[in-house]
Amino acid sequence: MEPIQQIIARNLLKLRKSRNLTLEQTSELTGVSKAMLAQIENEKSNPTVTTLWKIAKGFQVSFSMFLKEEEQPIQQVNIRELDPVVDSDDLYKVYSFFPYHPENRFELYVVDLLPGCEHLPKTHPGEEYLFVKEGSMIVEINGKPYHVSDGDALHFSGTIPHGYFNPSSEKASYFMMMYYPEEGNDVNV
């Protein structure tokens, strides 16, 4: 499996070039500095989840588009072989199991929230389906807290501000499926 930094770099460069954009134009589009974009493309920086979301929103593509590897007819994924994308002081870890594909219109992750994690509310296209596999956490949706734990599930629109919090002393982990029902939310790169 290719290192995540190389995958992100290749996909960002491919997307930028497919739209004939300079680094400066991409910076204006995404709100991410030209220097940071260059570091990502040159594999000198491993971007945070927040940075990838800013880039994805600017390009109007799915988050996992940057994590997409070459397609295989049968895929077996082992979390121990995945490099997570991290955020919130390394307390929020996203493992991309099945990246977005335009025919399927969804992507599947496992997300770990380490104790004390505060992943502040954000918005993005698509719908979220989450299923808590371990621990307990708070999902704040439009300012309202939802306390969820092992076996609980939530579904909501990504366009509503939402954040994830783990005030406990144990790791919380959940499966996340992002679904993009509208044609305008996918990307054909």
C-alpha atoms as a PDB file:
ATOM      1  CA  MET A   1       0.000   0.000   0.000  1.00  0.00           C
ATOM      2  CA  GLU A   2       1.294   3.427  -0.990  1.00  0.00           C
ATOM      3  CA  PRO A   3       2.003   5.944   1.835  1.00  0.00           C
ATOM      4  CA  ILE A   4      -0.928   8.330   2.396  1.00  0.00           C
ATOM      5  CA  GLN A   5       1.270  11.395   1.847  1.00  0.00           C
ATOM      6  CA  GLN A   6       2.119  10.222  -1.702  1.00  0.00           C
ATOM      7  CA  ILE A   7      -1.510   9.410  -2.491  1.00  0.00           C
ATOM      8  CA  ILE A   8      -2.713  12.844  -1.338  1.00  0.00           C
ATOM      9  CA  ALA A   9       0.085  14.603  -3.236  1.00  0.00           C
ATOM     10  CA  ARG A  10      -0.652  12.734  -6.472  1.00  0.00           C
ATOM     11  CA  ASN A  11      -4.406  13.298  -6.275  1.00  0.00           C
ATOM     12  CA  LEU A  12      -4.136  17.004  -5.433  1.00  0.00           C
ATOM     13  CA  LEU A  13      -1.701  17.616  -8.285  1.00  0.00           C
ATOM     14  CA  LYS A  14      -3.868  15.614 -10.705  1.00  0.00           C
ATOM     15  CA  LEU A  15      -6.985  17.559  -9.698  1.00  0.00           C
ATOM     16  CA  ARG A  16      -5.269  20.947  -9.911  1.00  0.00           C
ATOM     17  CA  LYS A  17      -3.747  20.172 -13.327  1.00  0.00           C
ATOM     18  CA  SER A  18      -7.055  18.778 -14.668  1.00  0.00           C
ATOM     19  CA  ARG A  19      -8.597  22.188 -13.990  1.00  0.00           C
ATOM     20  CA  ASN A  20      -5.583  24.089 -15.381  1.00  0.00           C
ATOM     21  CA  LEU A  21      -5.068  25.971 -12.127  1.00  0.00           C
ATOM     22  CA  THR A  22      -1.885  27.496 -10.770  1.00  0.00           C
ATOM     23  CA  LEU A  23      -0.986  27.112  -7.099  1.00  0.00           C
ATOM     24  CA  GLU A  24      -2.002  30.744  -6.595  1.00  0.00           C
ATOM     25  CA  GLN A  25      -5.432  30.171  -8.183  1.00  0.00           C
ATOM     26  CA  THR A  26      -5.862  27.009  -6.113  1.00  0.00           C
ATOM     27  CA  SER A  27      -4.981  28.964  -2.966  1.00  0.00           C
ATOM     28  CA  GLU A  28      -7.655  31.565  -3.779  1.00  0.00           C
ATOM     29  CA  LEU A  29     -10.201  28.820  -4.485  1.00  0.00           C
ATOM     30  CA  THR A  30      -9.546  26.827  -1.308  1.00  0.00           C
ATOM     31  CA  GLY A  31      -8.330  29.315   1.276  1.00  0.00           C
ATOM     32  CA  VAL A  32      -5.190  27.191   1.798  1.00  0.00           C
ATOM     33  CA  SER A  33      -1.882  29.008   1.357  1.00  0.00           C
ATOM     34  CA  LYS A  34       0.127  28.572  -1.819  1.00  0.00           C
ATOM     35  CA  ALA A  35       3.101  27.422   0.292  1.00  0.00           C
ATOM     36  CA  MET A  36       1.038  24.719   2.047  1.00  0.00           C
ATOM     37  CA  LEU A  37      -0.395  23.490  -1.271  1.00  0.00           C
ATOM     38  CA  ALA A  38       3.121  23.250  -2.717  1.00  0.00           C
ATOM     39  CA  GLN A  39       4.335  21.343   0.359  1.00  0.00           C
ATOM     40  CA  ILE A  40       1.440  18.889   0.045  1.00  0.00           C
ATOM     41  CA  GLU A  41       2.060  18.330  -3.678  1.00  0.00           C
ATOM     42  CA  ASN A  42       5.782  17.824  -3.051  1.00  0.00           C
ATOM     43  CA  GLU A  43       5.106  15.332  -0.222  1.00  0.00           C
ATOM     44  CA  LYS A  44       6.748  17.636   2.334  1.00  0.00           C
ATOM     45  CA  SER A  45       3.605  18.054   4.420  1.00  0.00           C
ATOM     46  CA  ASN A  46       0.955  15.636   5.623  1.00  0.00           C
ATOM     47  CA  PRO A  47      -2.182  17.826   5.674  1.00  0.00           C
ATOM     48  CA  THR A  48      -4.675  17.758   8.513  1.00  0.00           C
ATOM     49  CA  VAL A  49      -8.291  16.703   8.067  1.00  0.00           C
ATOM     50  CA  THR A  50      -9.304  20.376   8.292  1.00  0.00           C
ATOM     51  CA  THR A  51      -6.903  21.348   5.506  1.00  0.00           C
ATOM     52  CA  LEU A  52      -8.133  18.533   3.256  1.00  0.00           C
ATOM     53  CA  TRP A  53     -11.751  19.555   3.892  1.00  0.00           C
ATOM     54  CA  LYS A  54     -10.919  23.161   2.912  1.00  0.00           C
ATOM     55  CA  ILE A  55      -9.340  21.944  -0.318  1.00  0.00           C
ATOM     56  CA  ALA A  56     -12.240  19.566  -1.012  1.00  0.00           C
ATOM     57  CA  LYS A  57     -14.819  22.308  -0.392  1.00  0.00           C
ATOM     58  CA  GLY A  58     -12.926  24.739  -2.637  1.00  0.00           C
ATOM     59  CA  PHE A  59     -12.832  22.210  -5.477  1.00  0.00           C
ATOM     60  CA  GLN A  60     -16.344  20.932  -4.614  1.00  0.00           C
ATOM     61  CA  VAL A  61     -15.167  17.332  -4.438  1.00  0.00           C
ATOM     62  CA  SER A  62     -15.390  14.597  -1.823  1.00  0.00           C
ATOM     63  CA  PHE A  63     -12.853  14.492   1.006  1.00  0.00           C
ATOM     64  CA  SER A  64     -11.757  10.976   0.146  1.00  0.00           C
ATOM     65  CA  MET A  65     -10.971  11.927  -3.449  1.00  0.00           C
ATOM     66  CA  PHE A  66      -7.548  12.843  -2.065  1.00  0.00           C
ATOM     67  CA  LEU A  67      -7.171   9.384  -0.482  1.00  0.00           C
ATOM     68  CA  LYS A  68      -8.158   7.416  -3.588  1.00  0.00           C
ATOM     69  CA  GLU A  69      -5.792   4.696  -4.791  1.00  0.00           C
ATOM     70  CA  GLU A  70      -5.891   2.682  -8.002  1.00  0.00           C
ATOM     71  CA  GLU A  71      -8.961   0.415  -8.146  1.00  0.00           C
ATOM     72  CA  GLN A  72      -8.653  -3.320  -7.516  1.00  0.00           C
ATOM     73  CA  PRO A  73     -11.363  -5.913  -8.400  1.00  0.00           C
ATOM     74  CA  ILE A  74     -11.373  -7.266  -4.818  1.00  0.00           C
ATOM     75  CA  GLN A  75     -10.222  -5.136  -1.943  1.00  0.00           C
ATOM     76  CA  GLN A  76      -9.258  -6.380   1.483  1.00  0.00           C
ATOM     77  CA  VAL A  77      -8.351  -3.627   3.901  1.00  0.00           C
ATOM     78  CA  ASN A  78      -6.557  -3.998   7.218  1.00  0.00           C
ATOM     79  CA  ILE A  79      -6.683  -0.963   9.505  1.00  0.00           C
ATOM     80  CA  ARG A  80      -3.180  -1.778  10.801  1.00  0.00           C
ATOM     81  CA  GLU A  81      -1.849  -1.129   7.282  1.00  0.00           C
ATOM     82  CA  LEU A  82      -3.578   2.233   6.851  1.00  0.00           C
ATOM     83  CA  ASP A  83      -2.032   5.601   7.633  1.00  0.00           C
ATOM     84  CA  PRO A  84      -4.693   7.825   9.173  1.00  0.00           C
ATOM     85  CA  VAL A  85      -5.295  11.450   8.333  1.00  0.00           C
ATOM     86  CA  VAL A  86      -5.199  13.285  11.662  1.00  0.00           C
ATOM     87  CA  ASP A  87      -6.580  16.497  13.103  1.00  0.00           C
ATOM     88  CA  SER A  88      -7.427  18.128  16.451  1.00  0.00           C
ATOM     89  CA  ASP A  89      -3.946  17.717  17.961  1.00  0.00           C
ATOM     90  CA  ASP A  90      -3.684  14.127  16.663  1.00  0.00           C
ATOM     91  CA  LEU A  91      -6.745  13.113  18.725  1.00  0.00           C
ATOM     92  CA  TYR A  92      -9.013  12.695  15.649  1.00  0.00           C
ATOM     93  CA  LYS A  93      -7.870   9.947  13.260  1.00  0.00           C
ATOM     94  CA  VAL A  94      -9.592   9.074   9.982  1.00  0.00           C
ATOM     95  CA  TYR A  95      -8.844   5.749   8.273  1.00  0.00           C
ATOM     96  CA  SER A  96     -10.120   5.603   4.698  1.00  0.00           C
ATOM     97  CA  PHE A  97     -11.309   2.066   3.983  1.00  0.00           C
ATOM     98  CA  PHE A  98     -13.181   2.612   0.721  1.00  0.00           C
ATOM     99  CA  PRO A  99     -12.663   6.025  -0.921  1.00  0.00           C
ATOM    100  CA  TYR A 100     -15.318   7.747  -2.964  1.00  0.00           C
ATOM    101  CA  HIS A 101     -16.207   6.303  -6.355  1.00  0.00           C
ATOM    102  CA  PRO A 102     -18.683   8.134  -8.643  1.00  0.00           C
ATOM    103  CA  GLU A 103     -20.644   4.962  -9.434  1.00  0.00           C
ATOM    104  CA  ASN A 104     -21.178   4.139  -5.745  1.00  0.00           C
ATOM    105  CA  ARG A 105     -21.585   7.744  -4.546  1.00  0.00           C
ATOM    106  CA  PHE A 106     -20.271   6.916  -1.054  1.00  0.00           C
ATOM    107  CA  GLU A 107     -17.056   6.561   0.928  1.00  0.00           C
ATOM    108  CA  LEU A 108     -16.402   4.535   4.078  1.00  0.00           C
ATOM    109  CA  TYR A 109     -14.111   5.376   6.988  1.00  0.00           C
ATOM    110  CA  VAL A 110     -13.271   4.310  10.489  1.00  0.00           C
ATOM    111  CA  VAL A 111     -12.731   7.288  12.767  1.00  0.00           C
ATOM    112  CA  ASP A 112     -11.003   7.173  16.155  1.00  0.00           C
ATOM    113  CA  LEU A 113     -11.616   9.904  18.725  1.00  0.00           C
ATOM    114  CA  LEU A 114      -8.965   9.680  21.401  1.00  0.00           C
ATOM    115  CA  PRO A 115      -9.747  10.856  24.955  1.00  0.00           C
ATOM    116  CA  GLY A 116     -10.203  14.620  25.130  1.00  0.00           C
ATOM    117  CA  CYS A 117     -10.776  15.029  21.376  1.00  0.00           C
ATOM    118  CA  GLU A 118     -12.683  18.141  20.325  1.00  0.00           C
ATOM    119  CA  HIS A 119     -13.268  18.143  16.564  1.00  0.00           C
ATOM    120  CA  LEU A 120     -15.160  21.413  16.209  1.00  0.00           C
ATOM    121  CA  PRO A 121     -18.302  21.776  14.078  1.00  0.00           C
ATOM    122  CA  LYS A 122     -17.893  22.078  10.312  1.00  0.00           C
ATOM    123  CA  THR A 123     -20.042  21.558   7.220  1.00  0.00           C
ATOM    124  CA  HIS A 124     -19.518  19.752   3.915  1.00  0.00           C
ATOM    125  CA  PRO A 125     -21.592  18.282   1.069  1.00  0.00           C
ATOM    126  CA  GLY A 126     -23.340  14.939   1.361  1.00  0.00           C
ATOM    127  CA  GLU A 127     -24.928  12.907   4.123  1.00  0.00           C
ATOM    128  CA  GLU A 128     -23.248  11.213   7.074  1.00  0.00           C
ATOM    129  CA  TYR A 129     -24.169   7.806   8.423  1.00  0.00           C
ATOM    130  CA  LEU A 130     -22.243   6.828  11.528  1.00  0.00           C
ATOM    131  CA  PHE A 131     -22.295   3.699  13.651  1.00  0.00           C
ATOM    132  CA  VAL A 132     -20.416   3.670  16.953  1.00  0.00           C
ATOM    133  CA  LYS A 133     -18.341   0.511  17.251  1.00  0.00           C
ATOM    134  CA  GLU A 134     -16.511   1.249  20.509  1.00  0.00           C
ATOM    135  CA  GLY A 135     -16.724   3.704  23.396  1.00  0.00           C
ATOM    136  CA  SER A 136     -18.950   6.733  23.747  1.00  0.00           C
ATOM    137  CA  MET A 137     -18.876  10.257  22.388  1.00  0.00           C
ATOM    138  CA  ILE A 138     -20.897  13.379  21.745  1.00  0.00           C
ATOM    139  CA  VAL A 139     -21.894  14.403  18.233  1.00  0.00           C
ATOM    140  CA  GLU A 140     -22.986  18.028  18.183  1.00  0.00           C
ATOM    141  CA  ILE A 141     -25.394  18.704  15.308  1.00  0.00           C
ATOM    142  CA  ASN A 142     -26.538  22.274  14.762  1.00  0.00           C
ATOM    143  CA  GLY A 143     -25.635  23.094  18.371  1.00  0.00           C
ATOM    144  CA  LYS A 144     -27.524  20.140  19.906  1.00  0.00           C
ATOM    145  CA  PRO A 145     -25.488  17.360  21.603  1.00  0.00           C
ATOM    146  CA  TYR A 146     -26.278  13.721  20.817  1.00  0.00           C
ATOM    147  CA  HIS A 147     -24.695  11.245  23.255  1.00  0.00           C
ATOM    148  CA  VAL A 148     -23.915   8.021  21.411  1.00  0.00           C
ATOM    149  CA  SER A 149     -22.114   4.825  22.386  1.00  0.00           C
ATOM    150  CA  ASP A 150     -21.440   1.232  21.226  1.00  0.00           C
ATOM    151  CA  GLY A 151     -24.161   0.129  18.825  1.00  0.00           C
ATOM    152  CA  ASP A 152     -25.754   3.575  18.368  1.00  0.00           C
ATOM    153  CA  ALA A 153     -26.136   5.114  14.928  1.00  0.00           C
ATOM    154  CA  LEU A 154     -26.832   8.601  13.545  1.00  0.00           C
ATOM    155  CA  HIS A 155     -27.746   9.951  10.119  1.00  0.00           C
ATOM    156  CA  PHE A 156     -27.665  13.657   9.217  1.00  0.00           C
ATOM    157  CA  SER A 157     -26.857  16.076   6.421  1.00  0.00           C
ATOM    158  CA  GLY A 158     -23.233  17.186   6.215  1.00  0.00           C
ATOM    159  CA  THR A 159     -24.488  20.687   5.355  1.00  0.00           C
ATOM    160  CA  ILE A 160     -25.587  21.133   8.993  1.00  0.00           C
ATOM    161  CA  PRO A 161     -22.742  22.251  11.321  1.00  0.00           C
ATOM    162  CA  HIS A 162     -21.553  19.191  13.242  1.00  0.00           C
ATOM    163  CA  GLY A 163     -18.619  18.251  15.456  1.00  0.00           C
ATOM    164  CA  TYR A 164     -17.320  15.281  17.412  1.00  0.00           C
ATOM    165  CA  PHE A 165     -16.249  15.237  21.040  1.00  0.00           C
ATOM    166  CA  ASN A 166     -14.824  12.558  23.333  1.00  0.00           C
ATOM    167  CA  PRO A 167     -14.850  13.822  26.927  1.00  0.00           C
ATOM    168  CA  SER A 168     -14.234  10.298  28.290  1.00  0.00           C
ATOM    169  CA  SER A 169     -10.944   8.707  29.306  1.00  0.00           C
ATOM    170  CA  GLU A 170     -11.273   5.936  26.674  1.00  0.00           C
ATOM    171  CA  LYS A 171     -11.052   5.887  22.884  1.00  0.00           C
ATOM    172  CA  ALA A 172     -14.282   6.139  20.905  1.00  0.00           C
ATOM    173  CA  SER A 173     -14.365   4.635  17.431  1.00  0.00           C
ATOM    174  CA  TYR A 174     -17.030   4.654  14.752  1.00  0.00           C
ATOM    175  CA  PHE A 175     -17.744   3.652  11.176  1.00  0.00           C
ATOM    176  CA  MET A 176     -18.588   6.596   8.926  1.00  0.00           C
ATOM    177  CA  MET A 177     -20.257   6.366   5.541  1.00  0.00           C
ATOM    178  CA  MET A 178     -20.434   9.569   3.529  1.00  0.00           C
ATOM    179  CA  TYR A 179     -23.116   9.468   0.838  1.00  0.00           C
ATOM    180  CA  TYR A 180     -23.361  12.013  -1.974  1.00  0.00           C
ATOM    181  CA  PRO A 181     -26.904  11.795  -3.374  1.00  0.00           C
ATOM    182  CA  GLU A 182     -26.672  14.740  -5.751  1.00  0.00           C
ATOM    183  CA  GLU A 183     -24.788  14.722  -9.034  1.00  0.00           C
ATOM    184  CA  GLY A 184     -23.050  18.018  -8.221  1.00  0.00           C
ATOM    185  CA  ASN A 185     -21.309  16.579  -5.137  1.00  0.00           C
ATOM    186  CA  ASP A 186     -19.157  14.031  -6.914  1.00  0.00           C
ATOM    187  CA  VAL A 187     -16.063  14.474  -8.998  1.00  0.00           C
ATOM    188  CA  ASN A 188     -14.824  12.865 -12.143  1.00  0.00           C
ATOM    189  CA  VAL A 189     -11.070  13.326 -12.027  1.00  0.00           C
END
